[in-house]
Amino acid sequence: MRIVASVLFLCVFIAAQPVAARPSQMPVPRPAPEWIISEWINGEATTLKQLRGKVLVVDFFQLWCPGCNAFSIPLMKQWEKTFTKEIKDGTLQFVSIHTVFEGHDYQNPQKLKSFLKRKRIHHLVGVDRHAPGVRVPRTMRLYGTMGTPEMAFIDADGVVRFQEFGGFDVERAEKLLRRLIKEATASG
């Protein structure tokens, strides 16, 4: 019985670890495709065209994703504190897209709203739209994400400049983010 319990614990522990970073399947840089969202939470519906001129940090996540809960969600919260000034002055915006490709019955908008409240996530969150009979949602397919968490940076001109799946080198990513903000303020 102890062996079974130990093996089960080890499997759960391994599954809860963030996946190692892997570059996107899609080329970077490239024009950012417009997202296709069925519902917006924590704000008004928006498009990439409406957000032109801002640097965007986009977190593709699922509420039950261990890597999202251990890596990308805490990182978004950390960066929201680090970049408070840039967010307030309109240079930077955080957006999360709930890209459900498994557990559709459980990961519904009602549970997502409770999750966002419990996690104190206040930035804009979109629910990725599904095509009828297709398991993987539309925006997830357009961005070629490999799962969750996956994060993308879109520059002020609407170009994807960073996209990685899993955990990644935060220092390197933050350095790029600072450069994108500097580029946006220099051209704005």
C-alpha atoms as a PDB file:
ATOM      1  CA  MET A   1       0.000   0.000   0.000  1.00  0.00           C
ATOM      2  CA  ARG A   2       2.859   2.393   0.822  1.00  0.00           C
ATOM      3  CA  ILE A   3       4.480   1.723  -2.532  1.00  0.00           C
ATOM      4  CA  VAL A   4       1.250   2.559  -4.379  1.00  0.00           C
ATOM      5  CA  ALA A   5       0.818   5.734  -2.306  1.00  0.00           C
ATOM      6  CA  SER A   6       4.444   6.738  -2.948  1.00  0.00           C
ATOM      7  CA  VAL A   7       4.136   6.178  -6.694  1.00  0.00           C
ATOM      8  CA  LEU A   8       0.864   8.119  -6.770  1.00  0.00           C
ATOM      9  CA  PHE A   9       2.444  11.016  -4.830  1.00  0.00           C
ATOM     10  CA  LEU A  10       5.440  11.067  -7.181  1.00  0.00           C
ATOM     11  CA  CYS A  11       3.168  11.150 -10.265  1.00  0.00           C
ATOM     12  CA  VAL A  12       1.132  14.038  -8.840  1.00  0.00           C
ATOM     13  CA  PHE A  13       4.318  15.907  -7.849  1.00  0.00           C
ATOM     14  CA  ILE A  14       5.839  15.518 -11.320  1.00  0.00           C
ATOM     15  CA  ALA A  15       2.585  16.544 -13.036  1.00  0.00           C
ATOM     16  CA  ALA A  16       2.421  19.706 -10.911  1.00  0.00           C
ATOM     17  CA  GLN A  17       5.841  20.951 -12.039  1.00  0.00           C
ATOM     18  CA  PRO A  18       5.900  23.605 -14.767  1.00  0.00           C
ATOM     19  CA  VAL A  19       6.891  22.292 -18.170  1.00  0.00           C
ATOM     20  CA  ALA A  20      10.324  23.352 -19.355  1.00  0.00           C
ATOM     21  CA  ALA A  21      10.274  26.223 -21.825  1.00  0.00           C
ATOM     22  CA  ARG A  22      10.015  25.492 -25.496  1.00  0.00           C
ATOM     23  CA  PRO A  23       9.870  28.110 -28.234  1.00  0.00           C
ATOM     24  CA  SER A  24       6.600  28.424 -30.071  1.00  0.00           C
ATOM     25  CA  GLN A  25       5.862  26.284 -33.107  1.00  0.00           C
ATOM     26  CA  MET A  26       5.155  29.545 -34.918  1.00  0.00           C
ATOM     27  CA  PRO A  27       7.852  31.891 -36.239  1.00  0.00           C
ATOM     28  CA  VAL A  28       8.729  34.930 -34.143  1.00  0.00           C
ATOM     29  CA  PRO A  29       8.531  37.772 -35.096  1.00  0.00           C
ATOM     30  CA  ARG A  30       5.246  37.592 -37.020  1.00  0.00           C
ATOM     31  CA  PRO A  31       2.040  39.647 -37.208  1.00  0.00           C
ATOM     32  CA  ALA A  32      -0.224  38.803 -34.259  1.00  0.00           C
ATOM     33  CA  PRO A  33      -3.435  37.124 -35.378  1.00  0.00           C
ATOM     34  CA  GLU A  34      -6.671  38.620 -34.048  1.00  0.00           C
ATOM     35  CA  TRP A  35      -8.045  36.624 -31.129  1.00  0.00           C
ATOM     36  CA  ILE A  36     -11.496  35.061 -31.284  1.00  0.00           C
ATOM     37  CA  ILE A  37     -13.147  35.400 -27.883  1.00  0.00           C
ATOM     38  CA  SER A  38     -16.610  34.245 -26.795  1.00  0.00           C
ATOM     39  CA  GLU A  39     -16.685  36.255 -23.556  1.00  0.00           C
ATOM     40  CA  TRP A  40     -14.570  38.916 -21.833  1.00  0.00           C
ATOM     41  CA  ILE A  41     -14.189  39.081 -18.055  1.00  0.00           C
ATOM     42  CA  ASN A  42     -12.826  42.004 -15.994  1.00  0.00           C
ATOM     43  CA  GLY A  43     -13.428  44.545 -18.732  1.00  0.00           C
ATOM     44  CA  GLU A  44     -14.887  45.464 -22.079  1.00  0.00           C
ATOM     45  CA  ALA A  45     -14.407  43.410 -25.236  1.00  0.00           C
ATOM     46  CA  THR A  46     -11.373  44.495 -27.207  1.00  0.00           C
ATOM     47  CA  THR A  47      -9.421  43.662 -30.338  1.00  0.00           C
ATOM     48  CA  LEU A  48      -5.745  43.786 -31.177  1.00  0.00           C
ATOM     49  CA  LYS A  49      -6.490  46.692 -33.504  1.00  0.00           C
ATOM     50  CA  GLN A  50      -7.979  48.652 -30.577  1.00  0.00           C
ATOM     51  CA  LEU A  51      -4.879  47.895 -28.485  1.00  0.00           C
ATOM     52  CA  ARG A  52      -2.352  49.048 -31.122  1.00  0.00           C
ATOM     53  CA  GLY A  53       0.232  51.305 -29.574  1.00  0.00           C
ATOM     54  CA  LYS A  54       0.394  49.232 -26.378  1.00  0.00           C
ATOM     55  CA  VAL A  55       2.751  46.397 -25.563  1.00  0.00           C
ATOM     56  CA  LEU A  56       0.716  43.303 -24.674  1.00  0.00           C
ATOM     57  CA  VAL A  57       1.625  40.404 -22.425  1.00  0.00           C
ATOM     58  CA  VAL A  58      -0.713  37.532 -23.277  1.00  0.00           C
ATOM     59  CA  ASP A  59      -0.979  34.461 -21.035  1.00  0.00           C
ATOM     60  CA  PHE A  60      -2.685  31.445 -22.606  1.00  0.00           C
ATOM     61  CA  PHE A  61      -3.868  29.438 -19.604  1.00  0.00           C
ATOM     62  CA  GLN A  62      -6.371  26.976 -18.158  1.00  0.00           C
ATOM     63  CA  LEU A  63      -7.705  27.279 -14.624  1.00  0.00           C
ATOM     64  CA  TRP A  64      -6.725  23.711 -13.732  1.00  0.00           C
ATOM     65  CA  CYS A  65      -3.266  23.815 -15.357  1.00  0.00           C
ATOM     66  CA  PRO A  66      -0.503  23.097 -12.775  1.00  0.00           C
ATOM     67  CA  GLY A  67       2.106  25.083 -14.722  1.00  0.00           C
ATOM     68  CA  CYS A  68      -0.254  28.042 -15.018  1.00  0.00           C
ATOM     69  CA  ASN A  69      -0.926  28.047 -11.284  1.00  0.00           C
ATOM     70  CA  ALA A  70       2.745  27.559 -10.399  1.00  0.00           C
ATOM     71  CA  PHE A  71       4.397  29.759 -13.048  1.00  0.00           C
ATOM     72  CA  SER A  72       2.475  32.002 -15.440  1.00  0.00           C
ATOM     73  CA  ILE A  73      -0.241  33.318 -13.097  1.00  0.00           C
ATOM     74  CA  PRO A  74       2.240  34.280 -10.322  1.00  0.00           C
ATOM     75  CA  LEU A  75       4.549  35.788 -12.960  1.00  0.00           C
ATOM     76  CA  MET A  76       1.714  37.929 -14.375  1.00  0.00           C
ATOM     77  CA  LYS A  77       0.951  39.156 -10.836  1.00  0.00           C
ATOM     78  CA  GLN A  78       4.635  39.902 -10.215  1.00  0.00           C
ATOM     79  CA  TRP A  79       4.955  41.813 -13.497  1.00  0.00           C
ATOM     80  CA  GLU A  80       1.760  43.769 -12.797  1.00  0.00           C
ATOM     81  CA  LYS A  81       3.505  45.106  -9.670  1.00  0.00           C
ATOM     82  CA  THR A  82       6.850  45.625 -11.419  1.00  0.00           C
ATOM     83  CA  PHE A  83       5.269  47.522 -14.330  1.00  0.00           C
ATOM     84  CA  THR A  84       2.554  49.474 -12.466  1.00  0.00           C
ATOM     85  CA  LYS A  85       3.652  52.787 -14.000  1.00  0.00           C
ATOM     86  CA  GLU A  86       3.662  51.425 -17.561  1.00  0.00           C
ATOM     87  CA  ILE A  87       0.205  49.902 -17.076  1.00  0.00           C
ATOM     88  CA  LYS A  88      -1.190  53.157 -15.639  1.00  0.00           C
ATOM     89  CA  ASP A  89       0.246  55.269 -18.440  1.00  0.00           C
ATOM     90  CA  GLY A  90      -1.234  52.935 -21.073  1.00  0.00           C
ATOM     91  CA  THR A  91       2.034  51.640 -22.520  1.00  0.00           C
ATOM     92  CA  LEU A  92       1.544  48.061 -21.289  1.00  0.00           C
ATOM     93  CA  GLN A  93      -1.482  45.810 -20.962  1.00  0.00           C
ATOM     94  CA  PHE A  94      -1.898  42.307 -19.585  1.00  0.00           C
ATOM     95  CA  VAL A  95      -4.423  39.940 -21.156  1.00  0.00           C
ATOM     96  CA  SER A  96      -5.084  36.320 -20.276  1.00  0.00           C
ATOM     97  CA  ILE A  97      -6.849  33.968 -22.660  1.00  0.00           C
ATOM     98  CA  HIS A  98      -8.535  30.911 -21.185  1.00  0.00           C
ATOM     99  CA  THR A  99      -7.768  28.293 -23.836  1.00  0.00           C
ATOM    100  CA  VAL A 100      -9.635  25.154 -22.812  1.00  0.00           C
ATOM    101  CA  PHE A 101      -8.600  22.130 -24.863  1.00  0.00           C
ATOM    102  CA  GLU A 102      -9.468  19.503 -22.228  1.00  0.00           C
ATOM    103  CA  GLY A 103     -11.939  19.225 -19.373  1.00  0.00           C
ATOM    104  CA  HIS A 104     -14.494  21.364 -21.197  1.00  0.00           C
ATOM    105  CA  ASP A 105     -17.344  20.524 -18.798  1.00  0.00           C
ATOM    106  CA  TYR A 106     -15.339  21.515 -15.731  1.00  0.00           C
ATOM    107  CA  GLN A 107     -13.482  24.571 -17.070  1.00  0.00           C
ATOM    108  CA  ASN A 108     -16.565  26.628 -17.876  1.00  0.00           C
ATOM    109  CA  PRO A 109     -16.973  30.443 -17.650  1.00  0.00           C
ATOM    110  CA  GLN A 110     -18.787  30.242 -14.298  1.00  0.00           C
ATOM    111  CA  LYS A 111     -15.923  28.303 -12.682  1.00  0.00           C
ATOM    112  CA  LEU A 112     -13.436  30.611 -14.397  1.00  0.00           C
ATOM    113  CA  LYS A 113     -15.062  33.694 -12.842  1.00  0.00           C
ATOM    114  CA  SER A 114     -14.832  32.107  -9.370  1.00  0.00           C
ATOM    115  CA  PHE A 115     -11.209  31.154 -10.040  1.00  0.00           C
ATOM    116  CA  LEU A 116     -10.316  34.714 -11.116  1.00  0.00           C
ATOM    117  CA  LYS A 117     -11.942  36.144  -8.002  1.00  0.00           C
ATOM    118  CA  ARG A 118     -10.183  33.628  -5.717  1.00  0.00           C
ATOM    119  CA  LYS A 119      -6.800  34.276  -7.400  1.00  0.00           C
ATOM    120  CA  ARG A 120      -7.394  38.053  -7.420  1.00  0.00           C
ATOM    121  CA  ILE A 121      -6.831  38.342 -11.159  1.00  0.00           C
ATOM    122  CA  HIS A 122      -8.177  41.724 -12.235  1.00  0.00           C
ATOM    123  CA  HIS A 123      -6.725  42.247 -15.708  1.00  0.00           C
ATOM    124  CA  LEU A 124      -8.699  41.487 -18.868  1.00  0.00           C
ATOM    125  CA  VAL A 125      -9.444  37.786 -19.445  1.00  0.00           C
ATOM    126  CA  GLY A 126     -10.938  36.355 -22.618  1.00  0.00           C
ATOM    127  CA  VAL A 127     -12.601  32.965 -23.036  1.00  0.00           C
ATOM    128  CA  ASP A 128     -11.237  31.442 -26.246  1.00  0.00           C
ATOM    129  CA  ARG A 129     -14.089  30.553 -28.644  1.00  0.00           C
ATOM    130  CA  HIS A 130     -14.574  26.977 -29.810  1.00  0.00           C
ATOM    131  CA  ALA A 131     -15.726  26.033 -33.278  1.00  0.00           C
ATOM    132  CA  PRO A 132     -18.556  23.471 -33.156  1.00  0.00           C
ATOM    133  CA  GLY A 133     -17.171  19.949 -32.733  1.00  0.00           C
ATOM    134  CA  VAL A 134     -13.531  21.089 -32.455  1.00  0.00           C
ATOM    135  CA  ARG A 135     -11.658  20.335 -29.219  1.00  0.00           C
ATOM    136  CA  VAL A 136      -8.967  23.023 -29.534  1.00  0.00           C
ATOM    137  CA  PRO A 137     -10.271  26.611 -29.409  1.00  0.00           C
ATOM    138  CA  ARG A 138      -9.793  29.094 -32.238  1.00  0.00           C
ATOM    139  CA  THR A 139      -7.284  31.568 -30.805  1.00  0.00           C
ATOM    140  CA  MET A 140      -5.142  28.720 -29.506  1.00  0.00           C
ATOM    141  CA  ARG A 141      -5.005  27.308 -33.050  1.00  0.00           C
ATOM    142  CA  LEU A 142      -4.294  30.732 -34.618  1.00  0.00           C
ATOM    143  CA  TYR A 143      -1.336  31.284 -32.274  1.00  0.00           C
ATOM    144  CA  GLY A 144      -0.137  27.679 -32.621  1.00  0.00           C
ATOM    145  CA  THR A 145       0.158  27.274 -28.876  1.00  0.00           C
ATOM    146  CA  MET A 146       1.391  23.892 -27.703  1.00  0.00           C
ATOM    147  CA  GLY A 147      -0.650  23.861 -24.494  1.00  0.00           C
ATOM    148  CA  THR A 148      -0.727  25.841 -21.299  1.00  0.00           C
ATOM    149  CA  PRO A 149       0.889  27.866 -19.980  1.00  0.00           C
ATOM    150  CA  GLU A 150       2.119  29.678 -23.032  1.00  0.00           C
ATOM    151  CA  MET A 151       2.987  33.352 -23.019  1.00  0.00           C
ATOM    152  CA  ALA A 152       3.344  35.859 -25.846  1.00  0.00           C
ATOM    153  CA  PHE A 153       4.522  39.464 -26.060  1.00  0.00           C
ATOM    154  CA  ILE A 154       2.974  41.577 -28.797  1.00  0.00           C
ATOM    155  CA  ASP A 155       4.711  44.860 -29.545  1.00  0.00           C
ATOM    156  CA  ALA A 156       3.001  48.229 -30.070  1.00  0.00           C
ATOM    157  CA  ASP A 157       2.865  47.578 -33.836  1.00  0.00           C
ATOM    158  CA  GLY A 158       0.955  44.293 -33.397  1.00  0.00           C
ATOM    159  CA  VAL A 159       3.889  41.937 -33.965  1.00  0.00           C
ATOM    160  CA  VAL A 160       4.477  38.815 -31.833  1.00  0.00           C
ATOM    161  CA  ARG A 161       8.011  39.266 -30.533  1.00  0.00           C
ATOM    162  CA  PHE A 162       8.078  36.479 -27.927  1.00  0.00           C
ATOM    163  CA  GLN A 163       6.108  33.256 -27.562  1.00  0.00           C
ATOM    164  CA  GLU A 164       7.119  30.323 -25.382  1.00  0.00           C
ATOM    165  CA  PHE A 165       5.405  27.293 -23.913  1.00  0.00           C
ATOM    166  CA  GLY A 166       5.980  26.271 -20.304  1.00  0.00           C
ATOM    167  CA  GLY A 167       8.397  27.861 -17.875  1.00  0.00           C
ATOM    168  CA  PHE A 168      11.029  30.127 -19.407  1.00  0.00           C
ATOM    169  CA  ASP A 169      13.953  32.350 -18.440  1.00  0.00           C
ATOM    170  CA  VAL A 170      12.085  35.184 -16.705  1.00  0.00           C
ATOM    171  CA  GLU A 171      15.088  37.505 -16.622  1.00  0.00           C
ATOM    172  CA  ARG A 172      15.595  37.205 -20.394  1.00  0.00           C
ATOM    173  CA  ALA A 173      11.867  37.701 -21.047  1.00  0.00           C
ATOM    174  CA  GLU A 174      11.666  40.712 -18.738  1.00  0.00           C
ATOM    175  CA  LYS A 175      14.654  42.289 -20.486  1.00  0.00           C
ATOM    176  CA  LEU A 176      12.823  41.928 -23.827  1.00  0.00           C
ATOM    177  CA  LEU A 177       9.621  43.296 -22.293  1.00  0.00           C
ATOM    178  CA  ARG A 178      11.495  46.390 -21.063  1.00  0.00           C
ATOM    179  CA  ARG A 179      12.969  46.863 -24.540  1.00  0.00           C
ATOM    180  CA  LEU A 180       9.500  46.625 -26.149  1.00  0.00           C
ATOM    181  CA  ILE A 181       8.141  49.205 -23.680  1.00  0.00           C
ATOM    182  CA  LYS A 182      11.077  51.516 -24.451  1.00  0.00           C
ATOM    183  CA  GLU A 183      10.436  51.113 -28.210  1.00  0.00           C
ATOM    184  CA  ALA A 184       6.724  51.893 -27.695  1.00  0.00           C
ATOM    185  CA  THR A 185       7.390  55.037 -25.674  1.00  0.00           C
ATOM    186  CA  ALA A 186      10.058  56.238 -28.146  1.00  0.00           C
ATOM    187  CA  SER A 187       7.709  55.886 -31.118  1.00  0.00           C
ATOM    188  CA  GLY A 188       4.560  57.083 -29.283  1.00  0.00           C
END
